[in-house]
C-alpha atoms as a PDB file:
ATOM      1  CA  UNK A   1     -41.618  49.375 -12.250  1.00  0.00           C
ATOM      2  CA  UNK A   2     -45.471  49.734 -12.968  1.00  0.00           C
ATOM      3  CA  UNK A   3     -48.391  49.253 -11.460  1.00  0.00           C
ATOM      4  CA  UNK A   4     -50.727  46.441 -12.989  1.00  0.00           C
ATOM      5  CA  UNK A   5     -54.474  45.517 -11.921  1.00  0.00           C
ATOM      6  CA  UNK A   6     -55.227  42.066 -12.051  1.00  0.00           C
ATOM      7  CA  UNK A   7     -58.387  40.334 -11.737  1.00  0.00           C
ATOM      8  CA  UNK A   8     -57.733  36.849  -9.849  1.00  0.00           C
ATOM      9  CA  UNK A   9     -59.968  33.566 -10.077  1.00  0.00           C
ATOM     10  CA  UNK A  10     -61.086  32.665  -6.607  1.00  0.00           C
ATOM     11  CA  UNK A  11     -58.677  29.905  -6.631  1.00  0.00           C
ATOM     12  CA  UNK A  12     -55.705  32.181  -7.163  1.00  0.00           C
ATOM     13  CA  UNK A  13     -56.790  34.682  -4.329  1.00  0.00           C
ATOM     14  CA  UNK A  14     -55.815  32.336  -1.334  1.00  0.00           C
ATOM     15  CA  UNK A  15     -52.497  31.258  -2.594  1.00  0.00           C
ATOM     16  CA  UNK A  16     -51.162  34.457  -3.495  1.00  0.00           C
ATOM     17  CA  UNK A  17     -52.264  36.067  -0.273  1.00  0.00           C
ATOM     18  CA  UNK A  18     -50.404  33.079   1.716  1.00  0.00           C
ATOM     19  CA  UNK A  19     -47.206  33.907  -0.775  1.00  0.00           C
ATOM     20  CA  UNK A  20     -47.633  37.446   0.433  1.00  0.00           C
ATOM     21  CA  UNK A  21     -47.490  36.860   3.808  1.00  0.00           C
ATOM     22  CA  UNK A  22     -44.815  34.467   3.968  1.00  0.00           C
ATOM     23  CA  UNK A  23     -42.638  36.797   2.029  1.00  0.00           C
ATOM     24  CA  UNK A  24     -43.366  39.398   5.094  1.00  0.00           C
ATOM     25  CA  UNK A  25     -43.106  36.947   7.588  1.00  0.00           C
ATOM     26  CA  UNK A  26     -39.508  36.029   6.225  1.00  0.00           C
ATOM     27  CA  UNK A  27     -38.407  39.809   5.914  1.00  0.00           C
ATOM     28  CA  UNK A  28     -39.660  40.478   9.460  1.00  0.00           C
ATOM     29  CA  UNK A  29     -37.457  37.497  10.958  1.00  0.00           C
ATOM     30  CA  UNK A  30     -34.587  38.698   9.121  1.00  0.00           C
ATOM     31  CA  UNK A  31     -34.930  42.369  10.070  1.00  0.00           C
ATOM     32  CA  UNK A  32     -35.190  41.124  13.609  1.00  0.00           C
ATOM     33  CA  UNK A  33     -31.967  38.981  13.309  1.00  0.00           C
ATOM     34  CA  UNK A  34     -30.442  42.066  12.105  1.00  0.00           C
ATOM     35  CA  UNK A  35     -31.728  44.164  14.933  1.00  0.00           C
ATOM     36  CA  UNK A  36     -30.721  41.495  17.613  1.00  0.00           C
ATOM     37  CA  UNK A  37     -27.176  40.959  16.567  1.00  0.00           C
ATOM     38  CA  UNK A  38     -24.919  44.114  16.209  1.00  0.00           C
ATOM     39  CA  UNK A  39     -22.368  43.681  13.398  1.00  0.00           C
ATOM     40  CA  UNK A  40     -24.672  41.234  11.020  1.00  0.00           C
ATOM     41  CA  UNK A  41     -23.802  41.785   7.378  1.00  0.00           C
ATOM     42  CA  UNK A  42     -25.398  40.768   4.110  1.00  0.00           C
ATOM     43  CA  UNK A  43     -23.683  37.556   3.862  1.00  0.00           C
ATOM     44  CA  UNK A  44     -25.250  36.578   7.074  1.00  0.00           C
ATOM     45  CA  UNK A  45     -28.817  37.804   6.620  1.00  0.00           C
ATOM     46  CA  UNK A  46     -29.234  35.554   3.323  1.00  0.00           C
ATOM     47  CA  UNK A  47     -27.244  32.757   5.370  1.00  0.00           C
ATOM     48  CA  UNK A  48     -30.271  33.645   8.267  1.00  0.00           C
ATOM     49  CA  UNK A  49     -32.614  33.258   5.404  1.00  0.00           C
ATOM     50  CA  UNK A  50     -31.753  29.919   4.362  1.00  0.00           C
ATOM     51  CA  UNK A  51     -31.866  28.689   8.004  1.00  0.00           C
ATOM     52  CA  UNK A  52     -35.345  29.898   8.152  1.00  0.00           C
ATOM     53  CA  UNK A  53     -36.361  27.791   5.083  1.00  0.00           C
ATOM     54  CA  UNK A  54     -34.875  24.713   6.554  1.00  0.00           C
ATOM     55  CA  UNK A  55     -36.551  25.594   9.994  1.00  0.00           C
ATOM     56  CA  UNK A  56     -40.427  26.737   8.648  1.00  0.00           C
ATOM     57  CA  UNK A  57     -41.911  24.247   6.114  1.00  0.00           C
ATOM     58  CA  UNK A  58     -43.993  27.164   4.770  1.00  0.00           C
ATOM     59  CA  UNK A  59     -41.340  29.310   3.828  1.00  0.00           C
ATOM     60  CA  UNK A  60     -39.622  26.680   2.573  1.00  0.00           C
ATOM     61  CA  UNK A  61     -42.579  26.317   0.010  1.00  0.00           C
ATOM     62  CA  UNK A  62     -42.067  29.909  -1.005  1.00  0.00           C
ATOM     63  CA  UNK A  63     -39.873  30.126  -4.061  1.00  0.00           C
ATOM     64  CA  UNK A  64     -36.070  30.796  -3.252  1.00  0.00           C
ATOM     65  CA  UNK A  65     -35.882  34.109  -5.462  1.00  0.00           C
ATOM     66  CA  UNK A  66     -39.064  35.444  -3.443  1.00  0.00           C
ATOM     67  CA  UNK A  67     -36.928  34.769  -0.400  1.00  0.00           C
ATOM     68  CA  UNK A  68     -34.234  36.450  -1.427  1.00  0.00           C
ATOM     69  CA  UNK A  69     -36.235  39.679  -2.129  1.00  0.00           C
ATOM     70  CA  UNK A  70     -37.270  39.618   1.306  1.00  0.00           C
ATOM     71  CA  UNK A  71     -33.526  39.914   2.153  1.00  0.00           C
ATOM     72  CA  UNK A  72     -32.760  42.199  -0.390  1.00  0.00           C
ATOM     73  CA  UNK A  73     -35.732  44.705   1.033  1.00  0.00           C
ATOM     74  CA  UNK A  74     -34.225  44.582   4.311  1.00  0.00           C
ATOM     75  CA  UNK A  75     -30.910  45.218   3.003  1.00  0.00           C
ATOM     76  CA  UNK A  76     -32.474  48.393   1.466  1.00  0.00           C
ATOM     77  CA  UNK A  77     -34.199  49.731   4.641  1.00  0.00           C
ATOM     78  CA  UNK A  78     -30.635  49.113   6.424  1.00  0.00           C
ATOM     79  CA  UNK A  79     -28.953  50.832   4.263  1.00  0.00           C
ATOM     80  CA  UNK A  80     -31.759  53.931   4.141  1.00  0.00           C
ATOM     81  CA  UNK A  81     -31.572  53.816   7.780  1.00  0.00           C
ATOM     82  CA  UNK A  82     -27.132  54.360   7.780  1.00  0.00           C
ATOM     83  CA  UNK A  83     -27.535  56.658   5.028  1.00  0.00           C
ATOM     84  CA  UNK A  84     -30.384  58.900   6.701  1.00  0.00           C
ATOM     85  CA  UNK A  85     -28.353  58.665  10.074  1.00  0.00           C
ATOM     86  CA  UNK A  86     -24.584  59.876   8.187  1.00  0.00           C
ATOM     87  CA  UNK A  87     -26.721  62.603   6.262  1.00  0.00           C
ATOM     88  CA  UNK A  88     -28.240  63.844   9.851  1.00  0.00           C
ATOM     89  CA  UNK A  89     -31.745  63.857   8.369  1.00  0.00           C
ATOM     90  CA  UNK A  90     -34.239  65.014  10.885  1.00  0.00           C
ATOM     91  CA  UNK A  91     -37.040  62.188  11.448  1.00  0.00           C
ATOM     92  CA  UNK A  92     -35.520  59.514   9.360  1.00  0.00           C
ATOM     93  CA  UNK A  93     -33.358  57.696  11.861  1.00  0.00           C
ATOM     94  CA  UNK A  94     -35.245  55.282  13.340  1.00  0.00           C
ATOM     95  CA  UNK A  95     -34.848  51.697  13.068  1.00  0.00           C
ATOM     96  CA  UNK A  96     -36.621  50.226   9.847  1.00  0.00           C
ATOM     97  CA  UNK A  97     -40.125  49.328  10.449  1.00  0.00           C
ATOM     98  CA  UNK A  98     -41.509  45.871  10.107  1.00  0.00           C
ATOM     99  CA  UNK A  99     -43.709  45.286   7.185  1.00  0.00           C
ATOM    100  CA  UNK A 100     -47.320  45.779   8.672  1.00  0.00           C
ATOM    101  CA  UNK A 101     -50.455  45.357   6.214  1.00  0.00           C
ATOM    102  CA  UNK A 102     -54.103  44.066   6.368  1.00  0.00           C
ATOM    103  CA  UNK A 103     -52.401  40.600   5.433  1.00  0.00           C
ATOM    104  CA  UNK A 104     -50.396  40.341   8.820  1.00  0.00           C
ATOM    105  CA  UNK A 105     -50.406  36.822  10.341  1.00  0.00           C
ATOM    106  CA  UNK A 106     -49.517  36.137  13.974  1.00  0.00           C
ATOM    107  CA  UNK A 107     -48.742  32.343  15.217  1.00  0.00           C
ATOM    108  CA  UNK A 108     -51.177  30.748  17.779  1.00  0.00           C
ATOM    109  CA  UNK A 109     -50.994  27.291  19.796  1.00  0.00           C
ATOM    110  CA  UNK A 110     -53.948  26.474  16.904  1.00  0.00           C
ATOM    111  CA  UNK A 111     -51.879  27.978  14.151  1.00  0.00           C
ATOM    112  CA  UNK A 112     -51.572  30.882  12.215  1.00  0.00           C
ATOM    113  CA  UNK A 113     -54.435  33.236  11.678  1.00  0.00           C
ATOM    114  CA  UNK A 114     -54.727  37.039  11.220  1.00  0.00           C
ATOM    115  CA  UNK A 115     -53.682  39.543  13.889  1.00  0.00           C
ATOM    116  CA  UNK A 116     -56.436  40.864  16.384  1.00  0.00           C
ATOM    117  CA  UNK A 117     -55.877  44.383  14.977  1.00  0.00           C
ATOM    118  CA  UNK A 118     -56.084  43.697  11.289  1.00  0.00           C
ATOM    119  CA  UNK A 119     -59.144  43.012   9.074  1.00  0.00           C
ATOM    120  CA  UNK A 120     -59.729  39.879   7.235  1.00  0.00           C
ATOM    121  CA  UNK A 121     -58.733  40.120   3.253  1.00  0.00           C
END
């Protein structure tokens, strides 16, 4: 897969960033679900993702392919985790990490906002 540079119009930047944050939110929620529920498999992760779409309106607004991709990324991380454990690769056995970047947000009583330790985009 190649990298592309785009020159978005100002009105495209905010919706794009919102979609990225929402996808990362879904990914992190599914990852946490896997960590908290021993023995959860692929099917349960996709079912949980569907429940997220019903529970959170902003996740429902993200298209279904993007939500499925978030779950597939978690599955790749989980599989990589188990493969590294089986191969006994030093330093590569920790739990999959939560996605962090400058687009991280957190929910506050007043609504969604950028995390304290993150720079605004």
